[in-house]
Every structure is written in structure tokens, then in C-alpha cells.
Amino acid sequence: MTTLGSALDTLASTIASRAGGDPKESYTASLLAAGPQKCAKKLGEEAVEAALACVSGDKAAFAGEAADVLYHLLVALQAAGVSPTDVAAALEARQGTSGHAEKASRGS
């Protein structure tokens, strides 16, 4: 069985390979060609759908919506020039830190 990390690595590579591609041939290329604002809008829409699926009790629907969120997150990262390695470094830096402490350190 594929791990989430492996699946995300493969998906990120696929998204990167489609950057600059023909928007008529690739949905990913069309999102990236539309720019970060369009990518952010789609990410937000998918996040709302995932939140609704979370409380629906339908695990399969939630898994599908979660996959959509992860895809659109990776597309938005690509559009913004932020690599998955950058995100991994941010996560690694937070290891061993309480979520409450980390949030307080950001002033949020």
C-alpha cells in the first residue's frame, strides 16, 4: 500500500511536470496558467467541501475530498513558488513543539 508521503511526492512531481504545459490538455496546467489567485480560490473551495464531508459521516466521501484538498494545496504551492521541501522543513522545525506553544509563537 502506498503511503501518504509517497503519494504526495508523486503528485507534487506530476504537478511540477505540468507547469508550463498546454492548459487545453491539462487541468493542472490550466490552474497554474490562471495564477496563484485562481489556485488559492480552488483550494478554498475544496477545503470547504472537505470540511462538510468531515461531518457527514461518509468516510469515503471525506477521503475523496481530502485528496482534492491535497491536490489543490500542491497546485497552489507550485503556483506560489513554494516547494514541498519548504513545507517539510517548516513541519520538521515544529517537531517536539506543543501546538499551543507553536501557535502562540506566531502571535495567532
Protein backbone atom coordinates (compact mmCIF):
# COMPACT_ATOMS: atom_id res chain seq x y z
CA MET A 1 0.00 0.00 0.00
CA THR A 2 1.24 3.47 -0.89
CA THR A 3 1.97 5.85 1.98
CA LEU A 4 0.58 9.37 2.02
CA GLY A 5 4.11 10.77 1.83
CA SER A 6 4.93 8.71 -1.23
CA ALA A 7 1.65 9.61 -2.90
CA LEU A 8 2.23 13.32 -2.21
CA ASP A 9 5.79 13.15 -3.58
CA THR A 10 4.50 11.55 -6.78
CA LEU A 11 1.65 14.05 -7.08
CA ALA A 12 3.99 17.03 -6.49
CA SER A 13 6.31 15.73 -9.23
CA THR A 14 3.39 15.33 -11.63
CA ILE A 15 2.17 18.85 -10.89
CA ALA A 16 5.66 20.29 -11.41
CA SER A 17 5.96 18.45 -14.71
CA ARG A 18 2.72 20.00 -15.95
CA ALA A 19 3.71 23.58 -15.09
CA GLY A 20 4.00 25.49 -18.36
CA GLY A 21 2.08 22.79 -20.22
CA ASP A 22 -0.84 23.32 -22.53
CA PRO A 23 -3.85 24.48 -20.48
CA LYS A 24 -6.14 22.86 -23.05
CA GLU A 25 -4.53 19.49 -22.41
CA SER A 26 -4.06 19.56 -18.63
CA TYR A 27 -6.32 20.74 -15.82
CA THR A 28 -3.22 21.29 -13.70
CA ALA A 29 -1.62 23.42 -16.41
CA SER A 30 -4.83 25.43 -16.72
CA LEU A 31 -4.89 26.16 -13.00
CA LEU A 32 -1.23 27.15 -12.96
CA ALA A 33 -1.66 29.35 -16.05
CA ALA A 34 -4.50 31.17 -14.26
CA GLY A 35 -2.12 32.16 -11.47
CA PRO A 36 -1.93 31.94 -7.69
CA GLN A 37 -5.26 33.68 -7.10
CA LYS A 38 -7.21 31.05 -9.06
CA CYS A 39 -5.25 28.27 -7.36
CA ALA A 40 -5.99 29.76 -3.94
CA LYS A 41 -9.69 30.08 -4.78
CA LYS A 42 -9.90 26.42 -5.80
CA LEU A 43 -8.02 25.38 -2.65
CA GLY A 44 -10.52 27.29 -0.51
CA GLU A 45 -13.50 25.76 -2.30
CA GLU A 46 -12.12 22.25 -1.85
CA ALA A 47 -11.33 22.90 1.82
CA VAL A 48 -14.96 23.85 2.46
CA GLU A 49 -16.15 20.71 0.67
CA ALA A 50 -13.75 18.61 2.78
CA ALA A 51 -14.96 20.24 6.00
CA LEU A 52 -18.55 19.42 5.10
CA ALA A 53 -17.61 15.84 4.19
CA CYS A 54 -15.80 15.51 7.53
CA VAL A 55 -19.03 15.89 9.45
CA SER A 56 -21.18 13.93 7.00
CA GLY A 57 -20.16 10.57 8.40
CA ASP A 58 -19.26 9.31 4.89
CA LYS A 59 -15.62 8.24 5.22
CA ALA A 60 -15.17 7.53 1.52
CA ALA A 61 -16.53 10.95 0.57
CA PHE A 62 -14.26 12.60 3.12
CA ALA A 63 -11.22 10.71 1.82
CA GLY A 64 -12.02 11.87 -1.70
CA GLU A 65 -12.46 15.47 -0.62
CA ALA A 66 -9.24 15.29 1.41
CA ALA A 67 -7.46 14.08 -1.74
CA ASP A 68 -8.88 17.07 -3.62
CA VAL A 69 -7.60 19.44 -0.91
CA LEU A 70 -4.12 17.93 -1.02
CA TYR A 71 -4.03 18.16 -4.82
CA HIS A 72 -5.14 21.79 -4.81
CA LEU A 73 -2.72 22.61 -1.97
CA LEU A 74 0.17 21.23 -4.02
CA VAL A 75 -1.01 23.17 -7.09
CA ALA A 76 -1.20 26.38 -5.01
CA LEU A 77 2.29 25.73 -3.63
CA GLN A 78 3.61 25.29 -7.18
CA ALA A 79 1.87 28.49 -8.29
CA ALA A 80 3.37 30.41 -5.37
CA GLY A 81 6.87 29.01 -5.85
CA VAL A 82 6.88 27.18 -2.53
CA SER A 83 8.31 23.67 -2.73
CA PRO A 84 7.07 20.65 -0.82
CA THR A 85 10.57 20.57 0.69
CA ASP A 86 9.92 24.05 2.13
CA VAL A 87 6.73 22.76 3.74
CA ALA A 88 8.51 19.67 5.06
CA ALA A 89 11.19 21.91 6.61
CA ALA A 90 8.51 24.01 8.31
CA LEU A 91 6.88 20.87 9.69
CA GLU A 92 10.20 19.47 10.83
CA ALA A 93 11.01 22.71 12.64
CA ARG A 94 7.80 22.30 14.62
CA GLN A 95 8.54 18.74 15.75
CA GLY A 96 8.64 18.45 19.51
CA THR A 97 6.83 21.75 19.99
CA SER A 98 3.38 21.87 21.51
CA GLY A 99 0.76 23.04 19.06
CA HIS A 100 -0.35 25.63 21.59
CA ALA A 101 3.21 26.93 22.01
CA GLU A 102 3.83 27.00 18.27
CA LYS A 103 0.62 28.93 17.62
CA ALA A 104 1.42 31.39 20.43
CA SER A 105 4.87 32.00 18.93
CA ARG A 106 3.19 33.21 15.73
CA GLY A 107 1.00 35.63 17.66
CA SER A 108 -2.15 33.98 16.32
